[in-house]
Amino acid sequence: MGRPPTKPKKLKDGYYIEVRNKGASSGIKIVRDTEELMHQAVEEYTRTKQVTILGESIDGKWANDIAAKKARKANKKKKKP
């Protein structure tokens, strides 16, 4: 046996939700291809579980992180004379 890997797994492209039992500290991530399918899954699991919408993943990165990074770059360009 070797040492366990430390590199995190890459995320598939799609929309992610986290589903856990009510009162539990850990859950599972579920991916759906479209936003509409994700919302259908949220409605289905909300009846019995606690659901958290994590967002969209593109090329292994969260879409909101990509948008924030682009906004920071744009702000830096504006500040430079």
N, C-alpha and C. Protein backbone atom coordinates (compact mmCIF):
# COMPACT_ATOMS: atom_id res chain seq x y z
N MET A 1 0.83 -1.18 0.00
CA MET A 1 0.00 0.00 0.00
C MET A 1 0.88 1.24 0.00
N GLY A 2 0.42 2.22 -0.73
CA GLY A 2 1.13 3.48 -0.78
C GLY A 2 0.41 4.53 0.04
N ARG A 3 0.94 5.69 -0.04
CA ARG A 3 0.31 6.79 0.68
C ARG A 3 -0.94 7.22 -0.09
N PRO A 4 -1.98 7.66 0.59
CA PRO A 4 -3.22 8.03 -0.10
C PRO A 4 -3.03 9.29 -0.95
N PRO A 5 -3.77 9.39 -2.04
CA PRO A 5 -3.61 10.57 -2.89
C PRO A 5 -4.09 11.84 -2.19
N THR A 6 -3.43 12.94 -2.48
CA THR A 6 -3.82 14.20 -1.85
C THR A 6 -4.47 15.15 -2.84
N LYS A 7 -4.38 14.85 -4.12
CA LYS A 7 -4.96 15.71 -5.14
C LYS A 7 -6.48 15.49 -5.17
N PRO A 8 -7.27 16.56 -5.08
CA PRO A 8 -8.73 16.39 -5.11
C PRO A 8 -9.20 15.96 -6.49
N LYS A 9 -10.32 15.26 -6.54
CA LYS A 9 -10.88 14.82 -7.81
C LYS A 9 -11.40 16.01 -8.59
N LYS A 10 -11.31 15.91 -9.92
CA LYS A 10 -11.84 16.97 -10.78
C LYS A 10 -13.36 16.81 -10.87
N LEU A 11 -14.04 17.93 -10.94
CA LEU A 11 -15.49 17.92 -11.05
C LEU A 11 -15.90 17.82 -12.51
N LYS A 12 -16.96 17.07 -12.77
CA LYS A 12 -17.52 17.01 -14.12
C LYS A 12 -18.26 18.31 -14.39
N ASP A 13 -18.45 18.63 -15.67
CA ASP A 13 -19.23 19.80 -16.04
C ASP A 13 -20.69 19.54 -15.73
N GLY A 14 -21.36 20.51 -15.12
CA GLY A 14 -22.77 20.37 -14.80
C GLY A 14 -23.13 21.17 -13.56
N TYR A 15 -24.33 20.94 -13.08
CA TYR A 15 -24.86 21.65 -11.92
C TYR A 15 -24.87 20.70 -10.73
N TYR A 16 -24.35 21.17 -9.60
CA TYR A 16 -24.17 20.32 -8.43
C TYR A 16 -25.10 20.72 -7.30
N ILE A 17 -25.61 19.69 -6.60
CA ILE A 17 -26.33 19.88 -5.35
C ILE A 17 -25.72 18.94 -4.32
N GLU A 18 -25.83 19.30 -3.06
CA GLU A 18 -25.38 18.42 -1.99
C GLU A 18 -26.61 17.97 -1.22
N VAL A 19 -26.74 16.66 -1.03
CA VAL A 19 -27.90 16.08 -0.35
C VAL A 19 -27.41 15.38 0.90
N ARG A 20 -28.06 15.68 2.03
CA ARG A 20 -27.70 15.02 3.29
C ARG A 20 -28.96 14.77 4.10
N ASN A 21 -28.89 13.80 4.97
CA ASN A 21 -30.00 13.54 5.88
C ASN A 21 -30.11 14.71 6.85
N LYS A 22 -31.32 14.99 7.29
CA LYS A 22 -31.52 16.11 8.21
C LYS A 22 -30.78 15.83 9.51
N GLY A 23 -29.95 16.78 9.91
CA GLY A 23 -29.16 16.64 11.12
C GLY A 23 -27.80 16.01 10.90
N ALA A 24 -27.51 15.53 9.70
CA ALA A 24 -26.22 14.89 9.43
C ALA A 24 -25.17 15.96 9.09
N SER A 25 -23.90 15.61 9.30
CA SER A 25 -22.84 16.58 9.03
C SER A 25 -22.22 16.38 7.65
N SER A 26 -22.39 15.21 7.05
CA SER A 26 -21.82 14.98 5.72
C SER A 26 -22.92 14.56 4.76
N GLY A 27 -22.67 14.81 3.48
CA GLY A 27 -23.65 14.45 2.47
C GLY A 27 -22.96 14.00 1.21
N ILE A 28 -23.75 13.84 0.14
CA ILE A 28 -23.19 13.44 -1.14
C ILE A 28 -23.47 14.53 -2.17
N LYS A 29 -22.58 14.64 -3.15
CA LYS A 29 -22.77 15.61 -4.23
C LYS A 29 -23.42 14.89 -5.40
N ILE A 30 -24.43 15.53 -5.97
CA ILE A 30 -25.14 14.98 -7.12
C ILE A 30 -25.02 15.99 -8.25
N VAL A 31 -24.69 15.50 -9.45
CA VAL A 31 -24.53 16.38 -10.60
C VAL A 31 -25.66 16.13 -11.60
N ARG A 32 -26.15 17.21 -12.20
CA ARG A 32 -27.15 17.16 -13.26
C ARG A 32 -26.64 17.99 -14.43
N ASP A 33 -27.06 17.62 -15.63
CA ASP A 33 -26.55 18.28 -16.84
C ASP A 33 -27.09 19.69 -17.05
N THR A 34 -28.36 19.92 -16.73
CA THR A 34 -28.95 21.23 -16.96
C THR A 34 -29.48 21.80 -15.65
N GLU A 35 -29.70 23.10 -15.66
CA GLU A 35 -30.21 23.77 -14.46
C GLU A 35 -31.63 23.30 -14.15
N GLU A 36 -32.42 23.05 -15.20
CA GLU A 36 -33.79 22.59 -15.01
C GLU A 36 -33.81 21.22 -14.32
N LEU A 37 -32.95 20.31 -14.77
CA LEU A 37 -32.89 18.98 -14.13
C LEU A 37 -32.42 19.09 -12.69
N MET A 38 -31.52 20.04 -12.43
CA MET A 38 -31.04 20.24 -11.06
C MET A 38 -32.20 20.67 -10.16
N HIS A 39 -33.01 21.62 -10.65
CA HIS A 39 -34.14 22.10 -9.83
C HIS A 39 -35.17 20.99 -9.61
N GLN A 40 -35.36 20.11 -10.58
CA GLN A 40 -36.26 18.97 -10.39
C GLN A 40 -35.74 18.05 -9.30
N ALA A 41 -34.43 17.82 -9.30
CA ALA A 41 -33.82 16.97 -8.27
C ALA A 41 -33.95 17.61 -6.89
N VAL A 42 -33.79 18.94 -6.83
CA VAL A 42 -33.94 19.65 -5.56
C VAL A 42 -35.34 19.45 -5.01
N GLU A 43 -36.35 19.61 -5.87
CA GLU A 43 -37.74 19.42 -5.42
C GLU A 43 -37.96 17.99 -4.92
N GLU A 44 -37.38 17.02 -5.62
CA GLU A 44 -37.56 15.62 -5.24
C GLU A 44 -36.93 15.31 -3.89
N TYR A 45 -35.70 15.75 -3.67
CA TYR A 45 -34.97 15.42 -2.44
C TYR A 45 -35.39 16.27 -1.25
N THR A 46 -35.93 17.46 -1.48
CA THR A 46 -36.28 18.36 -0.38
C THR A 46 -37.33 17.76 0.54
N ARG A 47 -38.15 16.88 0.03
CA ARG A 47 -39.21 16.29 0.86
C ARG A 47 -38.66 15.54 2.06
N THR A 48 -37.54 14.85 1.88
CA THR A 48 -37.03 14.01 2.96
C THR A 48 -35.62 14.36 3.42
N LYS A 49 -34.90 15.18 2.66
CA LYS A 49 -33.50 15.45 2.96
C LYS A 49 -33.23 16.95 2.99
N GLN A 50 -32.05 17.30 3.46
CA GLN A 50 -31.58 18.69 3.44
C GLN A 50 -30.76 18.86 2.17
N VAL A 51 -31.11 19.86 1.34
CA VAL A 51 -30.47 20.05 0.04
C VAL A 51 -29.79 21.41 0.00
N THR A 52 -28.55 21.44 -0.51
CA THR A 52 -27.80 22.67 -0.71
C THR A 52 -27.41 22.75 -2.18
N ILE A 53 -27.72 23.86 -2.84
CA ILE A 53 -27.31 24.05 -4.23
C ILE A 53 -25.89 24.60 -4.22
N LEU A 54 -24.97 23.86 -4.84
CA LEU A 54 -23.56 24.25 -4.85
C LEU A 54 -23.23 25.14 -6.05
N GLY A 55 -23.88 24.92 -7.18
CA GLY A 55 -23.66 25.77 -8.34
C GLY A 55 -23.22 24.98 -9.56
N GLU A 56 -22.68 25.72 -10.54
CA GLU A 56 -22.28 25.12 -11.81
C GLU A 56 -20.77 24.93 -11.86
N SER A 57 -20.35 23.81 -12.40
CA SER A 57 -18.93 23.51 -12.57
C SER A 57 -18.60 23.52 -14.06
N ILE A 58 -17.54 24.24 -14.43
CA ILE A 58 -17.06 24.29 -15.80
C ILE A 58 -15.57 24.00 -15.79
N ASP A 59 -15.16 22.96 -16.51
CA ASP A 59 -13.75 22.55 -16.58
C ASP A 59 -13.14 22.33 -15.20
N GLY A 60 -13.90 21.74 -14.29
CA GLY A 60 -13.38 21.42 -12.97
C GLY A 60 -13.34 22.58 -12.00
N LYS A 61 -13.88 23.74 -12.38
CA LYS A 61 -13.90 24.92 -11.49
C LYS A 61 -15.33 25.41 -11.36
N TRP A 62 -15.62 26.04 -10.25
CA TRP A 62 -16.96 26.57 -10.02
C TRP A 62 -17.15 27.83 -10.87
N ALA A 63 -18.30 27.94 -11.52
CA ALA A 63 -18.58 29.04 -12.44
C ALA A 63 -18.56 30.39 -11.73
N ASN A 64 -19.06 30.46 -10.49
CA ASN A 64 -19.06 31.74 -9.78
C ASN A 64 -17.64 32.17 -9.43
N ASP A 65 -16.71 31.21 -9.23
CA ASP A 65 -15.32 31.57 -9.00
C ASP A 65 -14.69 32.14 -10.26
N ILE A 66 -15.04 31.58 -11.42
CA ILE A 66 -14.52 32.06 -12.69
C ILE A 66 -15.01 33.48 -12.95
N ALA A 67 -16.30 33.73 -12.70
CA ALA A 67 -16.86 35.06 -12.92
C ALA A 67 -16.22 36.08 -11.98
N ALA A 68 -15.99 35.70 -10.73
CA ALA A 68 -15.37 36.62 -9.77
C ALA A 68 -13.94 36.95 -10.18
N LYS A 69 -13.22 35.97 -10.70
CA LYS A 69 -11.84 36.19 -11.13
C LYS A 69 -11.80 37.16 -12.31
N LYS A 70 -12.73 37.00 -13.26
CA LYS A 70 -12.80 37.91 -14.41
C LYS A 70 -13.13 39.33 -13.95
N ALA A 71 -14.02 39.45 -12.97
CA ALA A 71 -14.40 40.77 -12.47
C ALA A 71 -13.22 41.45 -11.79
N ARG A 72 -12.42 40.69 -11.03
CA ARG A 72 -11.23 41.26 -10.38
C ARG A 72 -10.23 41.76 -11.41
N LYS A 73 -10.04 40.99 -12.48
CA LYS A 73 -9.11 41.41 -13.53
C LYS A 73 -9.59 42.69 -14.20
N ALA A 74 -10.89 42.78 -14.44
CA ALA A 74 -11.45 43.98 -15.06
C ALA A 74 -11.27 45.19 -14.16
N ASN A 75 -11.46 45.01 -12.85
CA ASN A 75 -11.28 46.12 -11.91
C ASN A 75 -9.83 46.58 -11.85
N LYS A 76 -8.89 45.65 -11.93
CA LYS A 76 -7.47 46.01 -11.91
C LYS A 76 -7.10 46.83 -13.14
N LYS A 77 -7.66 46.46 -14.29
CA LYS A 77 -7.37 47.20 -15.52
C LYS A 77 -7.93 48.61 -15.45
N LYS A 78 -9.09 48.78 -14.83
CA LYS A 78 -9.70 50.11 -14.70
C LYS A 78 -8.90 51.01 -13.78
N LYS A 79 -8.32 50.45 -12.72
CA LYS A 79 -7.59 51.25 -11.74
C LYS A 79 -6.26 51.75 -12.27
N LYS A 80 -5.63 51.01 -13.19
CA LYS A 80 -4.33 51.42 -13.72
C LYS A 80 -4.51 52.62 -14.64
N PRO A 81 -3.65 53.69 -14.45
CA PRO A 81 -3.78 54.88 -15.31
C PRO A 81 -3.23 54.67 -16.70
